[in-house]
N, C-alpha and C. Protein backbone atom coordinates (compact mmCIF):
# COMPACT_ATOMS: atom_id res chain seq x y z
N UNK A 1 -1.82 -4.80 -22.46
CA UNK A 1 -1.49 -3.41 -22.16
C UNK A 1 -0.39 -3.37 -21.11
N UNK A 2 0.61 -2.52 -21.35
CA UNK A 2 1.78 -2.50 -20.49
C UNK A 2 1.43 -2.11 -19.06
N UNK A 3 0.56 -1.10 -18.90
CA UNK A 3 0.21 -0.64 -17.56
C UNK A 3 -0.50 -1.74 -16.77
N UNK A 4 -1.41 -2.44 -17.41
CA UNK A 4 -2.11 -3.54 -16.75
C UNK A 4 -1.14 -4.64 -16.36
N UNK A 5 -0.19 -4.92 -17.23
CA UNK A 5 0.79 -5.97 -16.96
C UNK A 5 1.65 -5.62 -15.76
N UNK A 6 2.03 -4.35 -15.65
CA UNK A 6 2.84 -3.92 -14.51
C UNK A 6 2.07 -4.08 -13.21
N UNK A 7 0.82 -3.63 -13.18
CA UNK A 7 0.01 -3.77 -11.97
C UNK A 7 -0.19 -5.24 -11.63
N UNK A 8 -0.50 -6.05 -12.65
CA UNK A 8 -0.76 -7.47 -12.43
C UNK A 8 0.47 -8.20 -11.92
N UNK A 9 1.64 -7.77 -12.36
CA UNK A 9 2.88 -8.40 -11.90
C UNK A 9 3.09 -8.17 -10.41
N UNK A 10 2.78 -6.96 -9.95
CA UNK A 10 3.00 -6.60 -8.55
C UNK A 10 1.87 -7.10 -7.66
N UNK A 11 0.64 -7.08 -8.19
CA UNK A 11 -0.54 -7.49 -7.43
C UNK A 11 -1.25 -8.60 -8.21
N UNK A 12 -0.71 -9.81 -8.18
CA UNK A 12 -1.20 -10.88 -9.05
C UNK A 12 -2.60 -11.38 -8.73
N UNK A 13 -3.15 -11.05 -7.57
CA UNK A 13 -4.47 -11.54 -7.21
C UNK A 13 -5.60 -10.68 -7.76
N UNK A 14 -5.27 -9.58 -8.39
CA UNK A 14 -6.32 -8.70 -8.91
C UNK A 14 -7.00 -9.33 -10.12
N UNK A 15 -8.30 -9.10 -10.22
CA UNK A 15 -9.07 -9.60 -11.35
C UNK A 15 -8.86 -8.68 -12.56
N UNK A 16 -9.14 -9.22 -13.72
CA UNK A 16 -8.96 -8.45 -14.95
C UNK A 16 -9.83 -7.19 -14.94
N UNK A 17 -11.04 -7.30 -14.41
CA UNK A 17 -11.92 -6.13 -14.36
C UNK A 17 -11.34 -5.04 -13.47
N UNK A 18 -10.67 -5.44 -12.40
CA UNK A 18 -10.04 -4.45 -11.52
C UNK A 18 -8.86 -3.79 -12.22
N UNK A 19 -8.08 -4.56 -12.94
CA UNK A 19 -6.96 -4.00 -13.69
C UNK A 19 -7.45 -2.99 -14.72
N UNK A 20 -8.52 -3.34 -15.42
CA UNK A 20 -9.09 -2.42 -16.42
C UNK A 20 -9.53 -1.12 -15.76
N UNK A 21 -10.17 -1.24 -14.60
CA UNK A 21 -10.66 -0.05 -13.90
C UNK A 21 -9.51 0.83 -13.43
N UNK A 22 -8.45 0.23 -12.96
CA UNK A 22 -7.29 1.01 -12.51
C UNK A 22 -6.67 1.80 -13.66
N UNK A 23 -6.55 1.16 -14.81
CA UNK A 23 -6.00 1.86 -15.98
C UNK A 23 -6.97 2.94 -16.45
N UNK A 24 -8.26 2.65 -16.42
CA UNK A 24 -9.25 3.65 -16.80
C UNK A 24 -9.19 4.84 -15.84
N UNK A 25 -9.01 4.57 -14.56
CA UNK A 25 -8.86 5.66 -13.59
C UNK A 25 -7.65 6.52 -13.92
N UNK A 26 -6.55 5.91 -14.30
CA UNK A 26 -5.35 6.69 -14.65
C UNK A 26 -5.64 7.63 -15.81
N UNK A 27 -6.46 7.18 -16.76
CA UNK A 27 -6.81 8.02 -17.90
C UNK A 27 -7.72 9.17 -17.47
N UNK A 28 -8.68 8.87 -16.61
CA UNK A 28 -9.58 9.91 -16.12
C UNK A 28 -8.82 10.94 -15.29
N UNK A 29 -7.86 10.48 -14.51
CA UNK A 29 -7.05 11.39 -13.71
C UNK A 29 -6.26 12.32 -14.61
N UNK A 30 -5.71 11.78 -15.70
CA UNK A 30 -4.99 12.61 -16.65
C UNK A 30 -5.90 13.61 -17.34
N UNK A 31 -7.11 13.17 -17.66
CA UNK A 31 -8.10 14.05 -18.30
C UNK A 31 -8.45 15.23 -17.40
N UNK A 32 -8.73 14.93 -16.13
CA UNK A 32 -9.09 15.99 -15.20
C UNK A 32 -7.89 16.87 -14.85
N UNK A 33 -6.69 16.30 -14.87
CA UNK A 33 -5.51 17.06 -14.50
C UNK A 33 -5.20 18.17 -15.50
N UNK A 34 -5.75 18.05 -16.69
CA UNK A 34 -5.59 19.12 -17.68
C UNK A 34 -6.47 20.32 -17.34
N UNK A 35 -7.50 20.09 -16.52
CA UNK A 35 -8.43 21.15 -16.15
C UNK A 35 -8.07 21.78 -14.80
N UNK A 36 -7.73 20.95 -13.84
CA UNK A 36 -7.33 21.43 -12.52
C UNK A 36 -6.13 20.63 -12.05
N UNK A 37 -5.34 21.21 -11.18
CA UNK A 37 -4.10 20.58 -10.74
C UNK A 37 -4.39 19.57 -9.63
N UNK A 38 -4.41 18.28 -10.00
CA UNK A 38 -4.65 17.21 -9.03
C UNK A 38 -3.37 16.52 -8.63
N UNK A 39 -2.48 16.31 -9.59
CA UNK A 39 -1.14 15.78 -9.32
C UNK A 39 -0.15 16.60 -10.12
N UNK A 40 1.13 16.44 -9.83
CA UNK A 40 2.15 17.18 -10.55
C UNK A 40 2.08 16.89 -12.05
N UNK A 41 2.13 17.93 -12.86
CA UNK A 41 2.06 17.75 -14.31
C UNK A 41 3.20 16.88 -14.83
N UNK A 42 4.35 16.96 -14.17
CA UNK A 42 5.51 16.18 -14.63
C UNK A 42 5.32 14.68 -14.36
N UNK A 43 4.35 14.34 -13.50
CA UNK A 43 4.13 12.94 -13.14
C UNK A 43 3.02 12.28 -13.97
N UNK A 44 2.34 13.05 -14.79
CA UNK A 44 1.14 12.52 -15.43
C UNK A 44 1.45 11.35 -16.36
N UNK A 45 2.65 11.31 -16.94
CA UNK A 45 3.02 10.19 -17.79
C UNK A 45 3.40 8.95 -16.98
N UNK A 46 3.58 9.15 -15.68
CA UNK A 46 3.98 8.04 -14.81
C UNK A 46 2.96 7.83 -13.69
N UNK A 47 1.70 8.10 -14.00
CA UNK A 47 0.69 8.08 -12.95
C UNK A 47 0.48 6.67 -12.39
N UNK A 48 0.66 5.65 -13.22
CA UNK A 48 0.49 4.28 -12.73
C UNK A 48 1.55 3.94 -11.69
N UNK A 49 2.83 4.13 -12.05
CA UNK A 49 3.89 3.68 -11.14
C UNK A 49 4.21 4.68 -10.04
N UNK A 50 3.93 5.97 -10.23
CA UNK A 50 4.26 6.95 -9.20
C UNK A 50 3.10 7.27 -8.26
N UNK A 51 1.87 6.91 -8.67
CA UNK A 51 0.72 7.29 -7.85
C UNK A 51 -0.21 6.12 -7.55
N UNK A 52 -0.62 5.39 -8.58
CA UNK A 52 -1.60 4.33 -8.36
C UNK A 52 -0.98 3.12 -7.66
N UNK A 53 0.17 2.67 -8.11
CA UNK A 53 0.82 1.52 -7.47
C UNK A 53 1.19 1.81 -6.01
N UNK A 54 1.77 2.98 -5.68
CA UNK A 54 2.00 3.27 -4.26
C UNK A 54 0.72 3.26 -3.43
N UNK A 55 -0.38 3.76 -4.01
CA UNK A 55 -1.65 3.73 -3.29
C UNK A 55 -2.11 2.30 -3.03
N UNK A 56 -1.98 1.45 -4.06
CA UNK A 56 -2.36 0.05 -3.91
C UNK A 56 -1.48 -0.67 -2.89
N UNK A 57 -0.28 -0.17 -2.68
CA UNK A 57 0.64 -0.82 -1.74
C UNK A 57 0.09 -0.86 -0.33
N UNK A 58 -0.79 0.08 -0.01
CA UNK A 58 -1.39 0.07 1.32
C UNK A 58 -2.18 -1.22 1.52
N UNK A 59 -2.83 -1.70 0.45
CA UNK A 59 -3.61 -2.95 0.56
C UNK A 59 -2.72 -4.17 0.67
N UNK A 60 -1.41 -4.01 0.39
CA UNK A 60 -0.48 -5.12 0.54
C UNK A 60 -0.02 -5.28 1.98
N UNK A 61 -0.18 -4.24 2.80
CA UNK A 61 0.26 -4.32 4.19
C UNK A 61 -0.91 -4.35 5.18
N UNK A 62 -2.13 -4.12 4.66
CA UNK A 62 -3.30 -4.13 5.54
C UNK A 62 -4.51 -4.65 4.77
N UNK A 63 -5.31 -5.46 5.43
CA UNK A 63 -6.55 -5.95 4.82
C UNK A 63 -7.68 -4.96 5.08
N UNK A 64 -8.39 -4.64 4.03
CA UNK A 64 -9.59 -3.81 4.14
C UNK A 64 -10.78 -4.73 3.89
N UNK A 65 -11.56 -4.98 4.91
CA UNK A 65 -12.50 -6.09 4.88
C UNK A 65 -13.94 -5.62 4.71
N UNK A 66 -14.82 -6.61 4.54
CA UNK A 66 -16.24 -6.36 4.34
C UNK A 66 -16.82 -5.55 5.50
N UNK A 67 -17.52 -4.49 5.17
CA UNK A 67 -18.23 -3.72 6.18
C UNK A 67 -17.42 -2.65 6.89
N UNK A 68 -16.11 -2.59 6.64
CA UNK A 68 -15.31 -1.55 7.28
C UNK A 68 -15.57 -0.20 6.60
N UNK A 69 -15.43 0.85 7.41
CA UNK A 69 -15.54 2.22 6.90
C UNK A 69 -14.15 2.86 6.93
N UNK A 70 -13.73 3.34 5.76
CA UNK A 70 -12.39 3.92 5.61
C UNK A 70 -12.52 5.35 5.10
N UNK A 71 -11.79 6.25 5.72
CA UNK A 71 -11.79 7.66 5.33
C UNK A 71 -10.47 8.01 4.67
N UNK A 72 -10.55 8.64 3.49
CA UNK A 72 -9.38 9.17 2.80
C UNK A 72 -9.39 10.68 2.97
N UNK A 73 -8.49 11.19 3.81
CA UNK A 73 -8.44 12.62 4.11
C UNK A 73 -7.54 13.33 3.09
N UNK A 74 -8.05 14.43 2.53
CA UNK A 74 -7.29 15.17 1.54
C UNK A 74 -7.08 14.37 0.27
N UNK A 75 -8.15 13.80 -0.23
CA UNK A 75 -8.06 12.84 -1.34
C UNK A 75 -7.54 13.45 -2.64
N UNK A 76 -7.70 14.77 -2.81
CA UNK A 76 -7.18 15.41 -4.02
C UNK A 76 -7.89 14.87 -5.26
N UNK A 77 -7.15 14.11 -6.06
CA UNK A 77 -7.71 13.49 -7.25
C UNK A 77 -8.19 12.07 -7.03
N UNK A 78 -8.39 11.71 -5.75
CA UNK A 78 -8.88 10.36 -5.45
C UNK A 78 -7.81 9.39 -5.00
N UNK A 79 -6.70 9.91 -4.52
CA UNK A 79 -5.58 9.07 -4.10
C UNK A 79 -5.36 9.18 -2.60
N UNK A 80 -5.23 8.08 -1.91
CA UNK A 80 -5.21 6.69 -2.40
C UNK A 80 -6.58 6.01 -2.45
N UNK A 81 -7.66 6.77 -2.17
CA UNK A 81 -8.97 6.16 -1.98
C UNK A 81 -9.53 5.40 -3.16
N UNK A 82 -9.46 5.98 -4.37
CA UNK A 82 -10.06 5.32 -5.52
C UNK A 82 -9.35 4.01 -5.86
N UNK A 83 -8.02 3.96 -5.96
CA UNK A 83 -7.38 2.66 -6.22
C UNK A 83 -7.73 1.61 -5.16
N UNK A 84 -7.76 2.02 -3.90
CA UNK A 84 -8.10 1.06 -2.84
C UNK A 84 -9.55 0.60 -2.96
N UNK A 85 -10.45 1.50 -3.31
CA UNK A 85 -11.85 1.12 -3.46
C UNK A 85 -12.05 0.15 -4.63
N UNK A 86 -11.25 0.30 -5.67
CA UNK A 86 -11.35 -0.60 -6.82
C UNK A 86 -10.96 -2.02 -6.43
N UNK A 87 -9.95 -2.17 -5.59
CA UNK A 87 -9.46 -3.52 -5.26
C UNK A 87 -10.08 -4.06 -3.97
N UNK A 88 -10.72 -3.21 -3.18
CA UNK A 88 -11.36 -3.64 -1.92
C UNK A 88 -12.84 -3.32 -2.02
N UNK A 89 -13.56 -4.10 -2.80
CA UNK A 89 -14.92 -3.74 -3.20
C UNK A 89 -15.93 -3.87 -2.07
N UNK A 90 -15.61 -4.62 -1.03
CA UNK A 90 -16.57 -4.83 0.06
C UNK A 90 -16.34 -3.87 1.23
N UNK A 91 -15.41 -2.96 1.05
CA UNK A 91 -15.11 -1.94 2.06
C UNK A 91 -15.72 -0.62 1.61
N UNK A 92 -16.28 0.13 2.56
CA UNK A 92 -16.88 1.42 2.24
C UNK A 92 -15.84 2.54 2.41
N UNK A 93 -15.69 3.35 1.38
CA UNK A 93 -14.70 4.42 1.39
C UNK A 93 -15.40 5.78 1.31
N UNK A 94 -14.96 6.70 2.18
CA UNK A 94 -15.39 8.09 2.11
C UNK A 94 -14.18 8.93 1.73
N UNK A 95 -14.30 9.67 0.64
CA UNK A 95 -13.19 10.49 0.13
C UNK A 95 -13.47 11.95 0.47
N UNK A 96 -12.60 12.54 1.26
CA UNK A 96 -12.80 13.89 1.77
C UNK A 96 -11.77 14.86 1.19
N UNK A 97 -12.24 16.05 0.84
CA UNK A 97 -11.33 17.14 0.49
C UNK A 97 -12.03 18.46 0.76
N UNK A 98 -11.25 19.44 1.17
CA UNK A 98 -11.83 20.76 1.47
C UNK A 98 -11.98 21.62 0.23
N UNK A 99 -11.38 21.20 -0.89
CA UNK A 99 -11.43 21.97 -2.13
C UNK A 99 -12.56 21.45 -3.01
N UNK A 100 -13.56 22.27 -3.22
CA UNK A 100 -14.76 21.84 -3.91
C UNK A 100 -14.52 21.34 -5.33
N UNK A 101 -13.63 22.00 -6.07
CA UNK A 101 -13.42 21.60 -7.47
C UNK A 101 -12.73 20.23 -7.55
N UNK A 102 -11.97 19.88 -6.54
CA UNK A 102 -11.37 18.55 -6.52
C UNK A 102 -12.44 17.48 -6.27
N UNK A 103 -13.37 17.77 -5.39
CA UNK A 103 -14.45 16.82 -5.14
C UNK A 103 -15.34 16.68 -6.38
N UNK A 104 -15.54 17.76 -7.12
CA UNK A 104 -16.28 17.66 -8.38
C UNK A 104 -15.59 16.69 -9.33
N UNK A 105 -14.26 16.79 -9.42
CA UNK A 105 -13.50 15.89 -10.28
C UNK A 105 -13.61 14.45 -9.80
N UNK A 106 -13.47 14.25 -8.49
CA UNK A 106 -13.54 12.90 -7.93
C UNK A 106 -14.93 12.31 -8.14
N UNK A 107 -15.96 13.11 -7.93
CA UNK A 107 -17.32 12.63 -8.14
C UNK A 107 -17.52 12.13 -9.58
N UNK A 108 -16.99 12.88 -10.53
CA UNK A 108 -17.11 12.48 -11.93
C UNK A 108 -16.38 11.16 -12.18
N UNK A 109 -15.17 11.03 -11.63
CA UNK A 109 -14.41 9.80 -11.85
C UNK A 109 -15.07 8.61 -11.17
N UNK A 110 -15.58 8.80 -9.97
CA UNK A 110 -16.28 7.72 -9.25
C UNK A 110 -17.50 7.26 -10.04
N UNK A 111 -18.24 8.23 -10.59
CA UNK A 111 -19.43 7.89 -11.38
C UNK A 111 -19.06 7.13 -12.64
N UNK A 112 -18.04 7.59 -13.36
CA UNK A 112 -17.66 6.96 -14.61
C UNK A 112 -17.01 5.60 -14.40
N UNK A 113 -16.44 5.39 -13.23
CA UNK A 113 -15.87 4.09 -12.88
C UNK A 113 -16.92 3.16 -12.25
N UNK A 114 -18.10 3.72 -11.97
CA UNK A 114 -19.20 2.96 -11.37
C UNK A 114 -18.77 2.31 -10.05
N UNK A 115 -18.18 3.11 -9.19
CA UNK A 115 -17.74 2.60 -7.88
C UNK A 115 -18.87 2.79 -6.87
N UNK A 116 -19.50 1.68 -6.52
CA UNK A 116 -20.65 1.72 -5.63
C UNK A 116 -20.27 1.82 -4.15
N UNK A 117 -19.00 1.59 -3.85
CA UNK A 117 -18.55 1.60 -2.45
C UNK A 117 -17.84 2.89 -2.07
N UNK A 118 -18.07 3.95 -2.83
CA UNK A 118 -17.40 5.23 -2.57
C UNK A 118 -18.42 6.35 -2.45
N UNK A 119 -18.24 7.18 -1.42
CA UNK A 119 -18.96 8.44 -1.35
C UNK A 119 -17.94 9.54 -1.07
N UNK A 120 -18.31 10.78 -1.36
CA UNK A 120 -17.39 11.90 -1.18
C UNK A 120 -17.99 12.95 -0.28
N UNK A 121 -17.12 13.78 0.28
CA UNK A 121 -17.59 14.87 1.12
C UNK A 121 -16.64 16.05 0.97
N UNK A 122 -17.21 17.22 0.78
CA UNK A 122 -16.44 18.46 0.64
C UNK A 122 -16.47 19.21 1.97
N UNK A 123 -15.43 18.96 2.77
CA UNK A 123 -15.37 19.54 4.11
C UNK A 123 -13.93 19.47 4.61
N UNK A 124 -13.59 20.33 5.54
CA UNK A 124 -12.30 20.23 6.21
C UNK A 124 -12.37 19.15 7.30
N UNK A 125 -11.28 18.44 7.47
CA UNK A 125 -11.27 17.39 8.50
C UNK A 125 -11.56 17.96 9.88
N UNK A 126 -11.12 19.19 10.12
CA UNK A 126 -11.35 19.82 11.41
C UNK A 126 -12.84 20.01 11.71
N UNK A 127 -13.66 20.07 10.66
CA UNK A 127 -15.10 20.32 10.83
C UNK A 127 -15.94 19.06 10.69
N UNK A 128 -15.30 17.92 10.65
CA UNK A 128 -15.98 16.65 10.42
C UNK A 128 -15.93 15.83 11.71
N UNK A 129 -16.98 15.03 11.99
CA UNK A 129 -17.03 14.37 13.29
C UNK A 129 -17.45 12.90 13.24
N UNK A 130 -17.56 12.31 12.08
CA UNK A 130 -17.85 10.88 12.00
C UNK A 130 -16.62 10.08 12.44
N UNK A 131 -16.84 8.80 12.72
CA UNK A 131 -15.74 7.92 13.13
C UNK A 131 -15.57 6.79 12.12
N UNK A 132 -14.32 6.37 11.92
CA UNK A 132 -14.00 5.37 10.91
C UNK A 132 -13.09 4.29 11.48
N UNK A 133 -13.18 3.10 10.86
CA UNK A 133 -12.33 1.99 11.28
C UNK A 133 -10.88 2.25 10.91
N UNK A 134 -10.67 2.85 9.75
CA UNK A 134 -9.32 3.14 9.27
C UNK A 134 -9.33 4.46 8.53
N UNK A 135 -8.19 5.11 8.53
CA UNK A 135 -8.00 6.36 7.80
C UNK A 135 -6.76 6.22 6.93
N UNK A 136 -6.85 6.71 5.71
CA UNK A 136 -5.69 6.73 4.82
C UNK A 136 -5.44 8.18 4.39
N UNK A 137 -4.20 8.45 4.08
CA UNK A 137 -3.83 9.78 3.61
C UNK A 137 -2.56 9.69 2.79
N UNK A 138 -2.35 10.71 1.98
CA UNK A 138 -1.22 10.68 1.06
C UNK A 138 -0.62 12.07 0.94
N UNK A 139 0.47 12.29 1.67
CA UNK A 139 1.23 13.54 1.57
C UNK A 139 0.34 14.77 1.65
N UNK A 140 -0.63 14.74 2.58
CA UNK A 140 -1.56 15.86 2.73
C UNK A 140 -0.85 17.05 3.36
N UNK A 141 -0.12 16.78 4.43
CA UNK A 141 0.62 17.80 5.16
C UNK A 141 1.68 17.05 5.98
N UNK A 142 2.37 17.72 6.87
CA UNK A 142 3.31 16.97 7.71
C UNK A 142 2.51 16.06 8.64
N UNK A 143 3.13 14.97 9.02
CA UNK A 143 2.39 13.93 9.74
C UNK A 143 1.85 14.41 11.07
N UNK A 144 2.61 15.22 11.79
CA UNK A 144 2.15 15.70 13.09
C UNK A 144 0.84 16.46 12.96
N UNK A 145 0.74 17.34 11.97
CA UNK A 145 -0.50 18.10 11.76
C UNK A 145 -1.62 17.18 11.30
N UNK A 146 -1.30 16.23 10.42
CA UNK A 146 -2.30 15.29 9.94
C UNK A 146 -2.93 14.52 11.10
N UNK A 147 -2.10 14.11 12.04
CA UNK A 147 -2.61 13.33 13.17
C UNK A 147 -3.49 14.16 14.09
N UNK A 148 -3.22 15.46 14.18
CA UNK A 148 -4.02 16.32 15.05
C UNK A 148 -5.49 16.25 14.71
N UNK A 149 -5.81 16.32 13.41
CA UNK A 149 -7.22 16.35 13.05
C UNK A 149 -7.76 15.03 12.54
N UNK A 150 -6.90 14.04 12.37
CA UNK A 150 -7.41 12.74 11.91
C UNK A 150 -7.72 11.79 13.07
N UNK A 151 -6.98 11.89 14.17
CA UNK A 151 -7.16 10.92 15.24
C UNK A 151 -8.55 11.00 15.88
N UNK A 152 -9.16 12.19 15.86
CA UNK A 152 -10.50 12.32 16.44
C UNK A 152 -11.56 11.66 15.56
N UNK A 153 -11.19 11.32 14.32
CA UNK A 153 -12.12 10.69 13.39
C UNK A 153 -11.96 9.17 13.36
N UNK A 154 -11.11 8.65 14.22
CA UNK A 154 -10.79 7.23 14.22
C UNK A 154 -11.48 6.53 15.38
N UNK A 155 -12.07 5.39 15.11
CA UNK A 155 -12.68 4.58 16.15
C UNK A 155 -11.60 4.02 17.07
N UNK A 156 -11.97 3.65 18.31
CA UNK A 156 -11.01 2.99 19.19
C UNK A 156 -10.39 1.76 18.52
N UNK A 157 -9.11 1.61 18.68
CA UNK A 157 -8.34 0.51 18.07
C UNK A 157 -8.27 0.61 16.54
N UNK A 158 -8.59 1.78 16.02
CA UNK A 158 -8.47 1.99 14.58
C UNK A 158 -7.02 2.24 14.17
N UNK A 159 -6.81 2.31 12.86
CA UNK A 159 -5.46 2.51 12.34
C UNK A 159 -5.47 3.59 11.25
N UNK A 160 -4.32 4.25 11.14
CA UNK A 160 -4.08 5.22 10.08
C UNK A 160 -2.93 4.71 9.23
N UNK A 161 -3.08 4.83 7.91
CA UNK A 161 -2.00 4.48 6.99
C UNK A 161 -1.69 5.71 6.15
N UNK A 162 -0.48 6.24 6.36
CA UNK A 162 -0.09 7.51 5.74
C UNK A 162 1.04 7.27 4.75
N UNK A 163 0.77 7.58 3.50
CA UNK A 163 1.74 7.38 2.42
C UNK A 163 2.47 8.69 2.16
N UNK A 164 3.78 8.66 2.24
CA UNK A 164 4.52 9.90 2.02
C UNK A 164 5.87 9.61 1.39
N UNK A 165 6.48 10.65 0.87
CA UNK A 165 7.81 10.54 0.29
C UNK A 165 8.82 11.32 1.11
N UNK A 166 10.07 11.19 0.74
CA UNK A 166 11.12 11.95 1.43
C UNK A 166 11.51 11.35 2.75
N UNK A 167 12.21 12.16 3.55
CA UNK A 167 12.73 11.69 4.84
C UNK A 167 11.59 11.52 5.83
N UNK A 168 11.53 10.38 6.50
CA UNK A 168 10.46 10.13 7.47
C UNK A 168 11.03 9.74 8.82
N UNK A 169 12.33 9.87 9.02
CA UNK A 169 12.96 9.41 10.27
C UNK A 169 12.37 10.12 11.49
N UNK A 170 12.09 11.41 11.37
CA UNK A 170 11.52 12.14 12.51
C UNK A 170 10.10 11.66 12.82
N UNK A 171 9.37 11.23 11.79
CA UNK A 171 8.00 10.76 12.01
C UNK A 171 7.96 9.50 12.85
N UNK A 172 9.00 8.69 12.78
CA UNK A 172 9.00 7.43 13.52
C UNK A 172 9.03 7.66 15.03
N UNK A 173 9.41 8.86 15.44
CA UNK A 173 9.43 9.17 16.87
C UNK A 173 8.12 9.70 17.40
N UNK A 174 7.14 9.91 16.53
CA UNK A 174 5.85 10.41 16.98
C UNK A 174 5.09 9.33 17.74
N UNK A 175 4.27 9.72 18.71
CA UNK A 175 3.49 8.72 19.46
C UNK A 175 2.62 7.88 18.54
N UNK A 176 2.58 6.60 18.81
CA UNK A 176 1.68 5.65 18.15
C UNK A 176 2.07 5.30 16.71
N UNK A 177 3.22 5.78 16.22
CA UNK A 177 3.68 5.29 14.92
C UNK A 177 4.21 3.88 15.13
N UNK A 178 3.48 2.91 14.61
CA UNK A 178 3.70 1.52 14.93
C UNK A 178 4.69 0.85 14.00
N UNK A 179 4.63 1.20 12.73
CA UNK A 179 5.45 0.48 11.76
C UNK A 179 5.64 1.35 10.53
N UNK A 180 6.62 0.99 9.71
CA UNK A 180 6.82 1.65 8.43
C UNK A 180 7.13 0.59 7.38
N UNK A 181 6.66 0.85 6.17
CA UNK A 181 6.84 -0.09 5.06
C UNK A 181 7.39 0.68 3.85
N UNK A 182 8.48 0.19 3.31
CA UNK A 182 9.07 0.84 2.15
C UNK A 182 8.35 0.38 0.89
N UNK A 183 7.85 1.32 0.11
CA UNK A 183 7.05 0.98 -1.07
C UNK A 183 7.89 0.27 -2.13
N UNK A 184 9.16 0.62 -2.22
CA UNK A 184 10.02 -0.05 -3.20
C UNK A 184 10.17 -1.53 -2.88
N UNK A 185 10.23 -1.86 -1.60
CA UNK A 185 10.34 -3.27 -1.21
C UNK A 185 9.04 -4.03 -1.50
N UNK A 186 7.90 -3.36 -1.35
CA UNK A 186 6.61 -4.00 -1.63
C UNK A 186 6.44 -4.24 -3.12
N UNK A 187 6.81 -3.26 -3.92
CA UNK A 187 6.50 -3.29 -5.35
C UNK A 187 7.63 -3.80 -6.23
N UNK A 188 8.86 -3.74 -5.73
CA UNK A 188 10.01 -4.08 -6.57
C UNK A 188 10.39 -2.99 -7.53
N UNK A 189 9.78 -1.80 -7.40
CA UNK A 189 10.11 -0.66 -8.26
C UNK A 189 11.13 0.21 -7.53
N UNK A 190 12.36 0.16 -7.98
CA UNK A 190 13.44 0.84 -7.28
C UNK A 190 13.22 2.35 -7.18
N UNK A 191 12.54 2.92 -8.19
CA UNK A 191 12.32 4.36 -8.20
C UNK A 191 11.38 4.83 -7.09
N UNK A 192 10.73 3.89 -6.41
CA UNK A 192 9.83 4.25 -5.31
C UNK A 192 10.52 4.15 -3.95
N UNK A 193 11.82 4.11 -3.96
CA UNK A 193 12.59 4.00 -2.72
C UNK A 193 12.29 5.15 -1.76
N UNK A 194 11.88 6.30 -2.30
CA UNK A 194 11.64 7.47 -1.46
C UNK A 194 10.25 7.46 -0.82
N UNK A 195 9.43 6.47 -1.13
CA UNK A 195 8.07 6.45 -0.61
C UNK A 195 7.92 5.41 0.50
N UNK A 196 7.15 5.78 1.51
CA UNK A 196 6.97 4.90 2.67
C UNK A 196 5.52 4.97 3.13
N UNK A 197 5.04 3.86 3.68
CA UNK A 197 3.73 3.83 4.32
C UNK A 197 3.96 3.76 5.83
N UNK A 198 3.43 4.74 6.55
CA UNK A 198 3.54 4.73 8.00
C UNK A 198 2.22 4.24 8.60
N UNK A 199 2.32 3.28 9.49
CA UNK A 199 1.14 2.72 10.16
C UNK A 199 1.04 3.30 11.57
N UNK A 200 -0.09 3.92 11.87
CA UNK A 200 -0.30 4.54 13.16
C UNK A 200 -1.54 3.92 13.80
N UNK A 201 -1.48 3.58 15.07
CA UNK A 201 -2.62 2.96 15.73
C UNK A 201 -3.24 3.93 16.74
N UNK A 202 -4.50 3.69 17.03
CA UNK A 202 -5.23 4.49 18.00
C UNK A 202 -5.56 3.63 19.21
N UNK A 203 -5.14 4.05 20.37
CA UNK A 203 -5.46 3.30 21.58
C UNK A 203 -6.96 3.36 21.87
N UNK A 204 -7.45 2.33 22.50
CA UNK A 204 -8.87 2.30 22.91
C UNK A 204 -9.15 3.40 23.93
């Protein structure tokens, strides 16, 4: 299958079962996207290379290890949380969104993918108070606003990995933005030149 081959080429350490699950997730995402708007309709034919592979790129710059708790804020249709949970099976992922119908969709996909390391929560980040080792997010809002309500959910010495597109030069001047990674350089997909992963750390 072409989609599996593309993922395997970029992430050669993935097992065949993980590749199958990633492709199955892309199909489920397309199925649900016909019912509710989870990703741009124009992107649905390119969901592997425009959405799933960029999400997986976070695992190329950071290890998600056994026993860690990771929060995906504003998960929408499960991005980047579901792809990361598929490839990081020993890490616990909590997928959060304030929109109930999106969480219904994510719950269905998590169940059909049989992901035992994922739970979901329908709440606004501002109203949530648990702490996590790491937080991930994907173009939820502008980075400054995202940090306002995400940093209180991060354990001391925790990290945030924020995937976004477009110009990010102003974001690099924000406090605690530690590093940036170009997704095109990670994946070799030139069309992803506009996407970047920003790494933000939390002081003890």
